[in-house]
Protein backbone atom coordinates (compact mmCIF):
# COMPACT_ATOMS: atom_id res chain seq x y z
CA MET A 1 4.94 -26.70 37.56
CA ARG A 2 5.55 -26.91 41.29
CA ASP A 3 7.49 -29.99 42.34
CA GLU A 4 5.24 -31.49 45.47
CA GLN A 5 8.40 -33.17 46.87
CA GLU A 6 9.97 -29.75 47.83
CA LEU A 7 6.83 -28.99 50.49
CA PHE A 8 6.98 -29.10 53.80
CA GLU A 9 3.73 -29.54 56.21
CA HIS A 10 3.62 -26.62 58.31
CA PHE A 11 0.10 -27.37 59.62
CA HIS A 12 -2.69 -30.13 59.63
CA VAL A 13 -6.05 -30.41 60.99
CA VAL A 14 -9.16 -32.31 59.82
CA VAL A 15 -12.55 -30.40 60.10
CA ASP A 16 -14.93 -31.26 62.84
CA LYS A 17 -18.32 -33.04 61.65
CA GLY A 18 -20.20 -30.16 63.23
CA GLN A 19 -18.35 -27.38 61.34
CA SER A 20 -20.36 -24.98 59.20
CA PRO A 21 -19.43 -23.62 56.03
CA LEU A 22 -16.65 -21.12 56.59
CA ARG A 23 -14.05 -19.49 54.20
CA ILE A 24 -10.97 -21.01 54.71
CA ASP A 25 -8.91 -17.78 55.54
CA LYS A 26 -11.33 -17.20 58.06
CA PHE A 27 -11.28 -20.85 59.90
CA LEU A 28 -7.40 -21.11 59.36
CA THR A 29 -6.92 -17.68 60.84
CA SER A 30 -9.24 -18.94 63.97
CA LYS A 31 -7.01 -22.27 64.50
CA LEU A 32 -3.55 -20.16 63.66
CA GLU A 33 -3.35 -17.89 66.41
CA ALA A 34 0.24 -16.59 65.68
CA THR A 35 -0.16 -16.41 61.73
CA SER A 36 -2.06 -13.19 60.28
CA ARG A 37 -4.96 -13.87 57.66
CA ASN A 38 -2.41 -11.90 55.14
CA ARG A 39 0.15 -14.66 55.27
CA ILE A 40 -3.08 -17.10 55.41
CA GLN A 41 -4.27 -15.36 52.45
CA LEU A 42 -0.82 -15.11 50.79
CA ALA A 43 -0.50 -18.99 51.00
CA ALA A 44 -3.69 -19.80 49.38
CA GLU A 45 -2.78 -17.50 46.52
CA SER A 46 0.46 -19.38 46.06
CA GLU A 47 -1.38 -22.69 45.72
CA TYR A 48 -0.08 -23.69 49.37
CA ILE A 49 -3.08 -24.39 51.26
CA LEU A 50 -4.62 -27.80 50.13
CA VAL A 51 -8.05 -29.40 51.13
CA ASN A 52 -8.37 -33.13 50.52
CA GLY A 53 -4.92 -32.69 48.35
CA ILE A 54 -6.15 -30.13 45.80
CA PRO A 55 -5.14 -26.15 46.20
CA VAL A 56 -7.87 -24.02 47.08
CA LYS A 57 -8.49 -20.44 47.02
CA ASN A 58 -9.49 -17.97 50.02
CA ASN A 59 -12.96 -18.22 49.39
CA TYR A 60 -13.21 -21.55 49.76
CA LYS A 61 -15.77 -22.64 52.04
CA VAL A 62 -14.48 -25.61 54.56
CA LYS A 63 -16.83 -28.47 55.23
CA PRO A 64 -17.15 -31.14 57.62
CA LEU A 65 -14.17 -33.75 57.64
CA ASP A 66 -12.07 -31.75 55.04
CA ASP A 67 -8.32 -32.75 55.36
CA ILE A 68 -6.40 -29.07 55.28
CA ARG A 69 -2.81 -28.95 54.97
CA ILE A 70 -0.60 -25.94 54.90
CA MET A 71 2.47 -27.07 52.41
CA LEU A 72 5.18 -24.45 52.29
CA PRO A 73 8.73 -24.61 50.35
CA PHE A 74 10.71 -24.43 53.59
CA GLU A 75 10.93 -26.09 56.59
CA LYS A 76 9.40 -25.03 59.78
CA ARG A 77 11.61 -22.79 62.10
CA GLU A 78 11.00 -23.52 65.22
CA PHE A 79 14.19 -22.57 67.37
CA SER A 80 15.78 -19.36 68.97
CA LEU A 81 19.54 -18.30 68.11
CA ILE A 82 21.23 -15.21 69.54
CA ALA A 83 21.86 -12.37 67.25
CA GLU A 84 25.54 -11.80 66.03
CA GLU A 85 27.20 -8.97 64.59
CA ILE A 86 28.90 -10.96 61.68
CA PRO A 87 30.38 -9.11 58.56
CA LEU A 88 27.99 -9.54 55.37
CA ASP A 89 28.63 -8.83 51.82
CA ILE A 90 25.49 -7.17 51.02
CA LEU A 91 25.05 -6.28 47.09
CA PHE A 92 21.58 -5.19 47.40
CA GLU A 93 18.67 -4.46 49.79
CA ASP A 94 15.18 -2.81 49.81
CA GLN A 95 11.86 -3.12 51.19
CA ASP A 96 11.24 -6.01 49.85
CA ILE A 97 14.66 -8.74 49.57
CA LEU A 98 18.33 -8.81 50.43
CA VAL A 99 21.18 -10.15 48.47
CA VAL A 100 24.20 -11.20 50.08
CA ASN A 101 27.58 -12.59 48.93
CA LYS A 102 28.34 -15.61 51.17
CA PRO A 103 31.74 -16.32 51.90
CA ALA A 104 32.87 -19.74 51.57
CA GLY A 105 32.75 -21.56 55.15
CA LEU A 106 30.10 -19.64 56.40
CA THR A 107 26.83 -22.02 57.64
CA VAL A 108 23.73 -20.72 56.00
CA HIS A 109 21.37 -22.06 58.38
CA PRO A 110 21.73 -23.33 62.08
CA GLY A 111 21.32 -27.13 62.80
CA HIS A 112 22.47 -29.99 64.74
CA GLY A 113 22.96 -28.00 67.85
CA ASN A 114 24.71 -25.72 66.24
CA TYR A 115 23.01 -22.02 66.60
CA SER A 116 26.10 -19.63 66.36
CA GLY A 117 28.12 -18.37 63.80
CA THR A 118 25.59 -18.69 60.56
CA LEU A 119 24.40 -16.25 58.14
CA LEU A 120 21.04 -16.29 60.19
CA ASN A 121 22.88 -14.97 63.19
CA GLY A 122 24.38 -12.34 61.08
CA LEU A 123 21.04 -11.48 59.63
CA ALA A 124 19.27 -10.89 62.69
CA TRP A 125 21.69 -8.46 64.05
CA HIS A 126 21.31 -6.96 60.44
CA PHE A 127 17.74 -6.26 61.07
CA GLY A 128 18.01 -4.95 64.21
CA GLN A 129 17.51 -7.89 66.38
CA ARG A 130 19.74 -8.23 69.68
CA GLY A 131 20.00 -11.19 72.30
CA THR A 132 17.84 -14.13 71.69
CA VAL A 133 15.58 -14.18 68.75
CA ASN A 134 12.73 -16.53 67.80
CA THR A 135 13.14 -17.53 64.19
CA ASP A 136 9.52 -17.27 63.35
CA ASP A 137 9.78 -13.69 64.07
CA SER A 138 8.07 -11.95 60.80
CA ARG A 139 11.12 -9.11 61.36
CA MET A 140 13.93 -11.74 60.64
CA GLY A 141 13.85 -12.27 57.34
CA VAL A 142 13.40 -15.65 55.31
CA LEU A 143 16.25 -17.69 53.50
CA VAL A 144 14.34 -18.59 50.45
CA HIS A 145 17.03 -20.93 49.59
CA ARG A 146 20.51 -22.26 50.67
CA ILE A 147 24.01 -22.95 49.59
CA ASP A 148 26.32 -25.40 51.09
CA LYS A 149 28.84 -23.96 53.98
CA ASP A 150 31.84 -24.32 51.59
CA THR A 151 30.20 -23.03 48.61
CA SER A 152 30.77 -19.01 47.79
CA GLY A 153 28.33 -16.73 46.16
CA LEU A 154 25.10 -15.32 46.35
CA LEU A 155 21.78 -15.73 48.37
CA VAL A 156 18.48 -13.89 48.78
CA VAL A 157 16.51 -13.07 51.36
CA ALA A 158 12.79 -12.35 51.81
CA LYS A 159 11.82 -9.12 53.96
CA SER A 160 8.14 -9.34 53.79
CA GLU A 161 5.69 -12.22 53.98
CA ALA A 162 4.42 -11.47 50.20
CA ALA A 163 8.22 -11.17 49.10
CA GLN A 164 8.66 -14.72 50.91
CA PHE A 165 5.59 -16.36 49.19
CA ARG A 166 6.52 -14.91 45.82
CA LEU A 167 10.27 -15.67 45.67
CA SER A 168 9.38 -19.42 47.39
CA ARG A 169 7.21 -20.04 44.30
CA GLN A 170 9.54 -18.67 41.63
CA PHE A 171 12.20 -21.31 43.41
CA SER A 172 9.65 -24.32 43.66
CA GLU A 173 8.69 -23.71 40.00
CA TYR A 174 12.44 -23.44 38.57
CA THR A 175 12.33 -20.02 37.02
CA VAL A 176 15.05 -18.41 38.96
CA GLU A 177 18.11 -17.98 37.26
CA ARG A 178 20.98 -19.69 39.20
CA ILE A 179 24.55 -20.07 37.58
CA TYR A 180 27.54 -21.55 39.38
CA LEU A 181 31.04 -21.33 38.32
CA ALA A 182 32.75 -25.20 39.13
CA LEU A 183 36.52 -26.06 38.41
CA VAL A 184 36.25 -29.83 38.11
CA TRP A 185 38.57 -32.67 37.58
CA GLY A 186 39.06 -34.26 34.10
CA ASP A 187 38.35 -32.91 30.49
CA PRO A 188 34.50 -33.46 29.68
CA GLU A 189 34.14 -34.66 26.19
CA ASN A 190 31.71 -32.34 24.91
CA ASP A 191 31.59 -28.82 25.37
CA ARG A 192 28.27 -28.35 26.39
CA GLY A 193 26.17 -31.01 28.15
CA THR A 194 22.78 -32.00 30.58
CA ILE A 195 22.90 -34.15 33.42
CA THR A 196 19.49 -35.62 34.31
CA GLY A 197 19.33 -37.86 37.41
CA ASP A 198 17.06 -38.42 40.59
CA ILE A 199 19.13 -37.38 43.46
CA ALA A 200 18.38 -39.13 46.94
CA ARG A 201 20.29 -39.42 49.96
CA HIS A 202 23.06 -42.32 50.26
CA PRO A 203 22.06 -45.35 52.10
CA SER A 204 25.64 -45.83 53.56
CA ASP A 205 26.35 -42.11 54.25
CA ARG A 206 23.81 -39.79 55.41
CA LEU A 207 26.30 -36.68 54.97
CA ARG A 208 25.91 -37.41 51.17
CA PHE A 209 23.93 -37.94 48.34
CA ARG A 210 23.96 -39.87 44.84
CA VAL A 211 22.30 -40.43 41.82
CA CYS A 212 19.72 -43.00 42.72
CA PRO A 213 19.25 -46.42 40.79
CA PRO A 214 15.93 -46.91 39.24
CA GLU A 215 14.79 -49.44 42.52
CA GLN A 216 15.44 -46.20 45.01
CA GLU A 217 12.90 -43.13 44.58
CA GLY A 218 14.63 -39.84 44.39
CA LYS A 219 14.05 -36.21 43.55
CA HIS A 220 14.19 -35.14 39.82
CA ALA A 221 17.21 -33.22 39.10
CA VAL A 222 18.91 -31.40 35.98
CA THR A 223 22.07 -29.60 35.41
CA HIS A 224 22.95 -27.83 32.43
CA TYR A 225 26.62 -27.27 31.65
CA LYS A 226 28.69 -25.12 29.59
CA VAL A 227 32.86 -25.61 29.18
CA LEU A 228 34.60 -22.12 29.67
CA GLU A 229 38.28 -23.03 29.89
CA ARG A 230 40.10 -26.14 29.70
CA PHE A 231 43.33 -26.64 31.56
CA GLY A 232 44.20 -30.11 30.64
CA TYR A 233 43.75 -32.00 33.96
CA VAL A 234 40.93 -29.60 35.35
CA THR A 235 38.31 -27.73 33.53
CA LEU A 236 36.26 -24.30 34.46
CA LEU A 237 32.44 -25.20 33.81
CA GLU A 238 29.51 -22.87 34.03
CA CYS A 239 26.74 -24.72 35.72
CA ARG A 240 22.91 -23.66 35.56
CA LEU A 241 20.42 -25.23 37.65
CA GLU A 242 17.18 -26.15 36.00
CA THR A 243 16.09 -27.89 39.46
CA GLY A 244 17.74 -27.15 42.68
CA ARG A 245 18.22 -30.00 44.83
CA THR A 246 20.57 -30.43 48.07
CA HIS A 247 24.19 -30.97 46.72
CA GLN A 248 23.00 -30.99 43.15
CA ILE A 249 25.91 -29.96 41.19
CA ARG A 250 28.31 -31.74 43.11
CA VAL A 251 26.37 -35.09 43.06
CA HIS A 252 25.76 -34.82 39.12
CA LEU A 253 29.78 -34.28 38.21
CA GLU A 254 30.47 -37.01 40.19
CA HIS A 255 28.31 -38.85 38.67
CA ILE A 256 29.62 -38.29 35.12
CA ASP A 257 33.05 -38.65 36.83
CA HIS A 258 34.25 -34.98 36.96
CA PRO A 259 33.98 -34.38 40.61
CA LEU A 260 34.58 -30.73 42.01
CA PHE A 261 37.78 -29.87 42.55
CA GLY A 262 38.67 -29.82 46.31
CA ASP A 263 35.32 -31.66 47.18
CA VAL A 264 35.94 -33.62 50.21
CA ARG A 265 32.50 -35.35 50.13
CA TYR A 266 32.59 -36.31 46.78
CA GLY A 267 35.91 -37.47 45.81
CA GLY A 268 37.55 -34.41 44.93
CA ASP A 269 40.20 -33.69 47.19
CA ARG A 270 42.73 -35.98 45.58
CA ILE A 271 44.18 -36.65 42.05
CA ARG A 272 41.60 -37.73 39.46
CA LYS A 273 43.60 -37.28 36.28
CA GLY A 274 47.04 -37.14 35.89
CA THR A 275 50.37 -38.90 37.41
CA HIS A 276 51.06 -39.06 41.05
CA TYR A 277 54.91 -38.04 40.42
CA THR A 278 56.18 -35.87 43.50
CA LYS A 279 55.98 -32.31 41.71
CA TYR A 280 52.74 -32.84 40.07
CA LYS A 281 51.45 -33.79 43.59
CA GLN A 282 52.99 -30.87 45.28
CA PHE A 283 51.37 -28.58 42.70
CA VAL A 284 47.99 -30.39 43.21
CA ASP A 285 48.22 -30.21 47.40
CA ASN A 286 49.44 -26.67 46.95
CA CYS A 287 46.01 -25.64 45.15
CA LEU A 288 44.00 -27.82 47.70
CA ASP A 289 45.92 -25.71 50.55
CA ILE A 290 45.11 -22.33 48.76
CA LEU A 291 41.45 -23.43 48.28
CA PRO A 292 40.44 -25.94 51.11
CA ARG A 293 37.01 -26.52 49.75
CA GLN A 294 34.94 -27.59 46.59
CA ALA A 295 35.68 -25.35 43.65
CA LEU A 296 32.05 -24.08 43.35
CA HIS A 297 30.65 -20.31 43.26
CA ALA A 298 27.13 -19.38 42.86
CA LYS A 299 28.02 -16.29 40.53
CA THR A 300 24.67 -15.18 39.17
CA LEU A 301 21.10 -15.19 40.44
CA GLY A 302 17.99 -13.54 38.45
CA PHE A 303 14.50 -13.51 39.35
CA ILE A 304 11.20 -11.82 39.13
CA HIS A 305 11.47 -8.77 42.17
CA PRO A 306 8.64 -9.74 44.20
CA GLY A 307 7.78 -6.03 44.75
CA THR A 308 8.32 -4.47 41.72
CA GLY A 309 7.35 -7.30 39.21
CA ASN A 310 10.83 -6.66 37.01
CA LYS A 311 13.29 -8.95 36.30
CA VAL A 312 16.45 -8.37 38.50
CA GLN A 313 19.96 -10.12 38.04
CA PHE A 314 22.67 -9.94 40.43
CA GLU A 315 26.56 -11.25 39.94
CA ALA A 316 29.28 -12.18 42.43
CA PRO A 317 32.82 -12.12 41.84
CA LEU A 318 34.95 -15.00 42.21
CA PRO A 319 36.48 -14.82 45.45
CA GLU A 320 40.23 -14.67 46.28
CA ASP A 321 40.80 -18.62 46.95
CA PHE A 322 39.15 -19.60 43.74
CA SER A 323 40.67 -16.77 41.76
CA LYS A 324 44.15 -17.78 42.92
CA VAL A 325 43.73 -21.49 42.19
CA LEU A 326 42.27 -20.84 38.70
CA GLU A 327 45.26 -18.68 37.78
CA LYS A 328 47.90 -21.18 38.73
CA TRP A 329 46.16 -23.97 36.65
CA ARG A 330 46.01 -21.47 34.31
CA ARG A 331 49.74 -20.58 34.11
CA TYR A 332 49.89 -24.58 34.32
CA ALA A 333 48.02 -25.14 31.20
CA ILE A 334 50.34 -23.11 29.08
CA SER A 335 53.57 -24.23 30.36
CA ALA A 336 55.31 -25.90 27.35
CA GLN A 337 53.85 -29.66 27.21
CA PHE A 338 52.74 -29.44 30.67
CA SER A 339 56.12 -29.95 32.10
CA GLU A 340 56.69 -31.39 35.33
CA ASP A 341 59.38 -28.66 36.18
CA SER A 342 56.99 -26.10 35.79
CA LEU A 343 54.51 -27.09 38.06
CA ILE A 344 55.66 -25.65 41.11
């Protein structure tokens, strides 16, 4: 079932008192000159066109004073950017979709006055755009989901309007398989677990989110995890998203007192388990120098291909920084009695 909290208003109109009955796809085509009738029909088929709060089909006849809204599971894009030749690790591409393995440090989407050096700039170039590009251009492709700047791994881009709506619906209905690898502080008690907690923006820090108390309204969020390897003071987890909220894995793991290793924003950039003796601290600092970000990697992405209708699944290998730190902790874990003499 779709989560209405994840829909964004793209158009709103109240029908005039004198309006004669007219199919809603024709009515909206006349109101939205830059939008094709096909795009409007796709939105209706995906139940993104609401009349008086209720999804309607294309053959719905508008009536006087109907309150019509187009609600889509992605924010409006109303800015321009410069196409830039940025190297992209493209794992798959056809006429409908593109799957890219994003490196850590690459921002996905422009924002806050930063319209350069993002994945979207690179995609514009890849799709043949040059110079200034309007992000509403249908040739731009659409990022139907995001991952954080300092998280590495898989993203899918829709290359057609039909692919955009079909993929967006899968994400909003939580049918997409999304598996992450996460190195966390501490030694979780259970080999498997589920973290359920509504997420909202932190009241005193707008750059952070938190599992909110009952009196604060948040967005429903569920993360499933499984222990892959235990290293004593840190643990490698596989995290499977049931929902997909901003910072979800980072917030949920901090909430259970196992923040991501290296996560500056959620307290993982300092020793959370173990002594503060010099050699151990040097070892941890060395790891943080190699991996100066949160240890989170979007490893697996699976969904129904919007063109063929077949289930597809993609895998992204661990990047070098994550692999090196994992190997250091692996060697540390097998050292005799976690002897501090063998940490460096």
